[in-house]
């Protein structure tokens, strides 16, 4: 037994009075503090981002230059309810879901089309 004492420290019982309980407020306070923290750090910025995305998708028009989530850049040739027709080169058009649009570029950014 003495051989392993250098690896494991011996534990001694503590003497003391009866166990004291913490108040309910001290126990619940960290959770109460975390609710507003989660709201301002996670939920509110995500709501703002989704609102900006909905607004951007609602204002898309024919001729806008866009970038998709896959990195495809092109000019909108046609707009449907769910899909857009995007011209990525002269005479080359692809159909893309509206939800795949990440950003709208300023006019004249894609000069090669």
N, C-alpha and C. Protein backbone atom coordinates (compact mmCIF):
# COMPACT_ATOMS: atom_id res chain seq x y z
N UNK A 1 0.82 -1.19 0.00
CA UNK A 1 0.00 0.00 0.00
C UNK A 1 0.87 1.25 0.00
N UNK A 2 1.97 1.22 0.75
CA UNK A 2 2.87 2.37 0.82
C UNK A 2 3.54 2.62 -0.53
N UNK A 3 3.57 1.64 -1.36
CA UNK A 3 4.24 1.74 -2.63
C UNK A 3 3.56 2.73 -3.58
N UNK A 4 2.24 2.82 -3.56
CA UNK A 4 1.49 3.68 -4.48
C UNK A 4 1.11 5.02 -3.88
N UNK A 5 1.54 5.33 -2.68
CA UNK A 5 1.18 6.59 -2.06
C UNK A 5 1.70 7.80 -2.83
N UNK A 6 2.76 7.66 -3.54
CA UNK A 6 3.27 8.80 -4.30
C UNK A 6 2.41 9.10 -5.53
N UNK A 7 1.60 8.14 -5.97
CA UNK A 7 0.71 8.37 -7.12
C UNK A 7 -0.66 8.88 -6.70
N UNK A 8 -1.17 8.36 -5.62
CA UNK A 8 -2.51 8.71 -5.18
C UNK A 8 -2.41 9.31 -3.78
N UNK A 9 -2.86 10.54 -3.65
CA UNK A 9 -2.81 11.19 -2.34
C UNK A 9 -3.87 10.58 -1.43
N UNK A 10 -3.53 10.34 -0.16
CA UNK A 10 -4.53 9.79 0.75
C UNK A 10 -5.64 10.80 1.03
N UNK A 11 -6.86 10.32 1.15
CA UNK A 11 -8.02 11.18 1.43
C UNK A 11 -8.35 11.07 2.92
N UNK A 12 -8.58 12.19 3.52
CA UNK A 12 -8.92 12.24 4.93
C UNK A 12 -10.32 12.82 5.08
N UNK A 13 -11.04 12.29 6.04
CA UNK A 13 -12.39 12.79 6.30
C UNK A 13 -12.31 14.15 6.98
N UNK A 14 -13.22 15.02 6.61
CA UNK A 14 -13.25 16.35 7.22
C UNK A 14 -14.20 16.35 8.39
N UNK A 15 -13.84 17.11 9.39
CA UNK A 15 -14.76 17.27 10.51
C UNK A 15 -15.53 18.56 10.30
N UNK A 16 -16.75 18.51 10.57
CA UNK A 16 -17.55 19.71 10.40
C UNK A 16 -18.94 19.52 10.96
N UNK A 17 -19.68 20.57 10.89
CA UNK A 17 -21.05 20.53 11.39
C UNK A 17 -21.99 19.96 10.34
N UNK A 18 -23.25 20.19 10.54
CA UNK A 18 -24.24 19.70 9.58
C UNK A 18 -24.08 20.41 8.22
N UNK A 19 -24.44 19.75 7.15
CA UNK A 19 -24.33 20.32 5.81
C UNK A 19 -25.26 21.51 5.66
N UNK A 20 -24.73 22.57 5.05
CA UNK A 20 -25.54 23.77 4.85
C UNK A 20 -26.02 23.80 3.41
N UNK A 21 -27.30 24.04 3.21
CA UNK A 21 -27.87 24.10 1.87
C UNK A 21 -27.76 25.52 1.32
N UNK A 22 -27.62 25.60 0.01
CA UNK A 22 -27.57 26.92 -0.62
C UNK A 22 -28.98 27.41 -0.85
N UNK A 23 -29.13 28.71 -0.91
CA UNK A 23 -30.45 29.25 -1.15
C UNK A 23 -30.86 28.99 -2.60
N UNK A 24 -32.13 29.02 -2.85
CA UNK A 24 -32.66 28.76 -4.19
C UNK A 24 -32.18 29.81 -5.18
N UNK A 25 -32.07 31.05 -4.76
CA UNK A 25 -31.63 32.13 -5.65
C UNK A 25 -30.20 31.90 -6.12
N UNK A 26 -29.32 31.47 -5.24
CA UNK A 26 -27.93 31.22 -5.62
C UNK A 26 -27.85 30.05 -6.60
N UNK A 27 -28.71 29.09 -6.46
CA UNK A 27 -28.71 27.93 -7.35
C UNK A 27 -29.27 28.28 -8.73
N UNK A 28 -30.31 29.07 -8.78
CA UNK A 28 -31.02 29.36 -10.03
C UNK A 28 -30.44 30.59 -10.74
N UNK A 29 -29.69 31.42 -10.06
CA UNK A 29 -29.18 32.67 -10.63
C UNK A 29 -28.40 32.48 -11.93
N UNK A 30 -27.50 31.51 -12.05
CA UNK A 30 -26.79 31.34 -13.32
C UNK A 30 -27.72 31.04 -14.50
N UNK A 31 -28.77 30.27 -14.25
CA UNK A 31 -29.72 29.96 -15.32
C UNK A 31 -30.53 31.19 -15.71
N UNK A 32 -30.90 31.99 -14.74
CA UNK A 32 -31.63 33.22 -15.02
C UNK A 32 -30.76 34.18 -15.81
N UNK A 33 -29.47 34.20 -15.53
CA UNK A 33 -28.53 35.06 -16.25
C UNK A 33 -28.30 34.57 -17.68
N UNK A 34 -28.38 33.28 -17.91
CA UNK A 34 -28.10 32.72 -19.24
C UNK A 34 -29.22 32.98 -20.24
N UNK A 35 -30.45 33.13 -19.81
CA UNK A 35 -31.57 33.34 -20.74
C UNK A 35 -31.39 34.62 -21.54
N UNK A 36 -31.18 35.80 -20.93
CA UNK A 36 -30.95 36.99 -21.76
C UNK A 36 -29.66 36.91 -22.57
N UNK A 37 -28.66 36.25 -22.03
CA UNK A 37 -27.41 36.09 -22.76
C UNK A 37 -27.63 35.31 -24.05
N UNK A 38 -28.35 34.20 -23.98
CA UNK A 38 -28.66 33.43 -25.18
C UNK A 38 -29.49 34.25 -26.16
N UNK A 39 -30.44 35.02 -25.65
CA UNK A 39 -31.29 35.81 -26.53
C UNK A 39 -30.45 36.83 -27.31
N UNK A 40 -29.62 37.59 -26.62
CA UNK A 40 -28.86 38.65 -27.30
C UNK A 40 -27.67 38.14 -28.10
N UNK A 41 -27.11 36.99 -27.73
CA UNK A 41 -25.95 36.48 -28.43
C UNK A 41 -26.30 35.51 -29.56
N UNK A 42 -27.41 34.79 -29.48
CA UNK A 42 -27.73 33.78 -30.46
C UNK A 42 -29.04 34.03 -31.21
N UNK A 43 -30.12 34.20 -30.49
CA UNK A 43 -31.44 34.24 -31.12
C UNK A 43 -31.67 35.53 -31.89
N UNK A 44 -31.39 36.67 -31.29
CA UNK A 44 -31.64 37.96 -31.93
C UNK A 44 -30.82 38.16 -33.21
N UNK A 45 -29.51 37.88 -33.23
CA UNK A 45 -28.77 38.02 -34.49
C UNK A 45 -29.26 37.08 -35.59
N UNK A 46 -29.67 35.87 -35.22
CA UNK A 46 -30.18 34.94 -36.22
C UNK A 46 -31.51 35.44 -36.79
N UNK A 47 -32.37 36.00 -35.97
CA UNK A 47 -33.63 36.56 -36.46
C UNK A 47 -33.37 37.72 -37.41
N UNK A 48 -32.40 38.57 -37.08
CA UNK A 48 -32.06 39.70 -37.93
C UNK A 48 -31.53 39.22 -39.28
N UNK A 49 -30.65 38.21 -39.27
CA UNK A 49 -30.10 37.67 -40.51
C UNK A 49 -31.18 37.07 -41.39
N UNK A 50 -32.11 36.31 -40.80
CA UNK A 50 -33.17 35.70 -41.59
C UNK A 50 -34.11 36.76 -42.16
N UNK A 51 -34.34 37.84 -41.43
CA UNK A 51 -35.17 38.92 -41.93
C UNK A 51 -34.50 39.61 -43.12
N UNK A 52 -33.19 39.84 -43.03
CA UNK A 52 -32.45 40.45 -44.14
C UNK A 52 -32.46 39.55 -45.37
N UNK A 53 -32.35 38.24 -45.16
CA UNK A 53 -32.36 37.29 -46.27
C UNK A 53 -33.73 37.27 -46.95
N UNK A 54 -34.80 37.24 -46.15
CA UNK A 54 -36.16 37.27 -46.73
C UNK A 54 -36.38 38.54 -47.53
N UNK A 55 -35.91 39.67 -47.01
CA UNK A 55 -36.06 40.94 -47.70
C UNK A 55 -35.26 40.93 -49.01
N UNK A 56 -34.04 40.39 -48.99
CA UNK A 56 -33.22 40.34 -50.20
C UNK A 56 -33.89 39.46 -51.26
N UNK A 57 -34.42 38.30 -50.85
CA UNK A 57 -35.06 37.41 -51.80
C UNK A 57 -36.36 38.01 -52.35
N UNK A 58 -37.02 38.82 -51.56
CA UNK A 58 -38.25 39.47 -52.02
C UNK A 58 -38.01 40.58 -53.02
N UNK A 59 -36.83 41.17 -53.01
CA UNK A 59 -36.56 42.29 -53.91
C UNK A 59 -35.76 41.89 -55.14
N UNK A 60 -35.57 40.59 -55.38
CA UNK A 60 -34.84 40.16 -56.57
C UNK A 60 -35.61 40.54 -57.82
N UNK A 61 -34.88 40.99 -58.83
CA UNK A 61 -35.51 41.39 -60.09
C UNK A 61 -34.67 40.87 -61.25
N UNK A 62 -35.29 40.81 -62.41
CA UNK A 62 -34.59 40.38 -63.62
C UNK A 62 -33.45 41.35 -63.91
N UNK A 63 -32.27 40.80 -64.19
CA UNK A 63 -31.10 41.62 -64.46
C UNK A 63 -30.18 41.81 -63.27
N UNK A 64 -30.63 41.42 -62.06
CA UNK A 64 -29.77 41.51 -60.88
C UNK A 64 -28.63 40.51 -60.99
N UNK A 65 -27.47 40.88 -60.50
CA UNK A 65 -26.32 39.99 -60.50
C UNK A 65 -26.21 39.37 -59.10
N UNK A 66 -26.09 38.04 -59.08
CA UNK A 66 -26.16 37.32 -57.81
C UNK A 66 -25.01 36.32 -57.67
N UNK A 67 -24.85 35.84 -56.43
CA UNK A 67 -23.94 34.74 -56.13
C UNK A 67 -24.75 33.71 -55.35
N UNK A 68 -24.57 32.42 -55.70
CA UNK A 68 -25.28 31.35 -55.00
C UNK A 68 -24.40 30.75 -53.91
N UNK A 69 -25.00 29.86 -53.12
CA UNK A 69 -24.24 29.20 -52.06
C UNK A 69 -23.12 28.34 -52.61
N UNK A 70 -23.25 27.86 -53.83
CA UNK A 70 -22.22 27.04 -54.44
C UNK A 70 -21.12 27.86 -55.10
N UNK A 71 -21.23 29.18 -55.07
CA UNK A 71 -20.22 30.04 -55.65
C UNK A 71 -20.50 30.41 -57.09
N UNK A 72 -21.64 30.04 -57.61
CA UNK A 72 -22.02 30.35 -58.98
C UNK A 72 -22.44 31.82 -59.07
N UNK A 73 -21.82 32.55 -59.98
CA UNK A 73 -22.16 33.96 -60.15
C UNK A 73 -22.82 34.15 -61.51
N UNK A 74 -23.86 34.95 -61.55
CA UNK A 74 -24.55 35.18 -62.82
C UNK A 74 -25.59 36.26 -62.70
N UNK A 75 -26.31 36.45 -63.80
CA UNK A 75 -27.34 37.49 -63.90
C UNK A 75 -28.69 36.80 -64.00
N UNK A 76 -29.69 37.29 -63.29
CA UNK A 76 -31.02 36.70 -63.29
C UNK A 76 -31.68 36.94 -64.65
N UNK A 77 -32.11 35.83 -65.30
CA UNK A 77 -32.77 35.93 -66.59
C UNK A 77 -34.27 35.73 -66.46
N UNK A 78 -34.71 35.04 -65.43
CA UNK A 78 -36.13 34.81 -65.21
C UNK A 78 -36.40 34.47 -63.76
N UNK A 79 -37.60 34.85 -63.29
CA UNK A 79 -37.95 34.63 -61.89
C UNK A 79 -39.26 33.86 -61.81
N UNK A 80 -39.26 32.79 -61.00
CA UNK A 80 -40.47 32.03 -60.71
C UNK A 80 -40.77 32.12 -59.23
N UNK A 81 -41.72 31.29 -58.78
CA UNK A 81 -42.07 31.30 -57.36
C UNK A 81 -40.94 30.73 -56.50
N UNK A 82 -40.37 29.61 -56.94
CA UNK A 82 -39.35 28.93 -56.15
C UNK A 82 -37.99 28.98 -56.83
N UNK A 83 -37.97 28.99 -58.15
CA UNK A 83 -36.73 28.90 -58.91
C UNK A 83 -36.43 30.18 -59.67
N UNK A 84 -35.14 30.41 -59.90
CA UNK A 84 -34.66 31.50 -60.74
C UNK A 84 -33.91 30.90 -61.91
N UNK A 85 -33.97 31.57 -63.05
CA UNK A 85 -33.12 31.20 -64.17
C UNK A 85 -31.96 32.18 -64.17
N UNK A 86 -30.75 31.64 -64.05
CA UNK A 86 -29.56 32.47 -63.94
C UNK A 86 -28.70 32.26 -65.17
N UNK A 87 -28.32 33.35 -65.81
CA UNK A 87 -27.43 33.28 -66.96
C UNK A 87 -26.00 33.40 -66.44
N UNK A 88 -25.23 32.32 -66.62
CA UNK A 88 -23.86 32.30 -66.10
C UNK A 88 -22.84 32.62 -67.18
N UNK A 89 -23.23 32.55 -68.44
CA UNK A 89 -22.39 32.92 -69.58
C UNK A 89 -23.33 33.22 -70.74
N UNK A 90 -22.82 33.76 -71.82
CA UNK A 90 -23.68 34.08 -72.96
C UNK A 90 -24.34 32.80 -73.47
N UNK A 91 -25.67 32.74 -73.39
CA UNK A 91 -26.42 31.59 -73.86
C UNK A 91 -26.46 30.41 -72.91
N UNK A 92 -25.84 30.49 -71.75
CA UNK A 92 -25.84 29.39 -70.78
C UNK A 92 -26.68 29.81 -69.58
N UNK A 93 -27.81 29.10 -69.39
CA UNK A 93 -28.70 29.42 -68.28
C UNK A 93 -28.91 28.18 -67.43
N UNK A 94 -28.99 28.40 -66.13
CA UNK A 94 -29.24 27.31 -65.18
C UNK A 94 -30.39 27.72 -64.27
N UNK A 95 -31.10 26.70 -63.76
CA UNK A 95 -32.17 26.97 -62.80
C UNK A 95 -31.61 26.79 -61.40
N UNK A 96 -31.92 27.72 -60.53
CA UNK A 96 -31.41 27.72 -59.16
C UNK A 96 -32.57 28.03 -58.23
N UNK A 97 -32.59 27.38 -57.06
CA UNK A 97 -33.60 27.71 -56.06
C UNK A 97 -33.34 29.10 -55.49
N UNK A 98 -34.41 29.81 -55.18
CA UNK A 98 -34.25 31.15 -54.59
C UNK A 98 -33.49 31.08 -53.27
N UNK A 99 -33.71 30.02 -52.51
CA UNK A 99 -33.06 29.92 -51.20
C UNK A 99 -31.55 29.73 -51.31
N UNK A 100 -31.04 29.42 -52.51
CA UNK A 100 -29.60 29.23 -52.70
C UNK A 100 -28.87 30.54 -52.95
N UNK A 101 -29.58 31.64 -53.04
CA UNK A 101 -28.95 32.94 -53.29
C UNK A 101 -28.37 33.46 -51.99
N UNK A 102 -27.08 33.79 -52.00
CA UNK A 102 -26.45 34.31 -50.78
C UNK A 102 -26.30 35.82 -50.81
N UNK A 103 -26.06 36.40 -51.98
CA UNK A 103 -25.91 37.86 -52.02
C UNK A 103 -26.23 38.39 -53.41
N UNK A 104 -26.60 39.65 -53.43
CA UNK A 104 -26.86 40.37 -54.67
C UNK A 104 -25.69 41.33 -54.86
N UNK A 105 -25.08 41.25 -56.04
CA UNK A 105 -23.92 42.09 -56.35
C UNK A 105 -24.36 43.44 -56.89
N UNK A 106 -23.52 44.45 -56.78
CA UNK A 106 -23.85 45.74 -57.39
C UNK A 106 -23.89 45.61 -58.91
N UNK A 107 -24.72 46.42 -59.55
CA UNK A 107 -24.87 46.37 -61.01
C UNK A 107 -23.51 46.62 -61.67
N UNK A 108 -23.23 45.83 -62.71
CA UNK A 108 -21.98 46.02 -63.46
C UNK A 108 -20.81 45.26 -62.92
N UNK A 109 -21.00 44.47 -61.88
CA UNK A 109 -19.90 43.70 -61.32
C UNK A 109 -19.46 42.59 -62.28
N UNK A 110 -20.41 41.92 -62.88
CA UNK A 110 -20.11 40.85 -63.84
C UNK A 110 -20.17 41.42 -65.25
N UNK A 111 -19.06 41.85 -65.77
CA UNK A 111 -19.01 42.49 -67.08
C UNK A 111 -18.83 41.52 -68.21
N UNK A 112 -18.50 40.27 -67.92
CA UNK A 112 -18.21 39.31 -68.97
C UNK A 112 -19.47 38.71 -69.58
N UNK A 113 -20.62 38.88 -68.97
CA UNK A 113 -21.85 38.30 -69.52
C UNK A 113 -22.42 39.16 -70.60
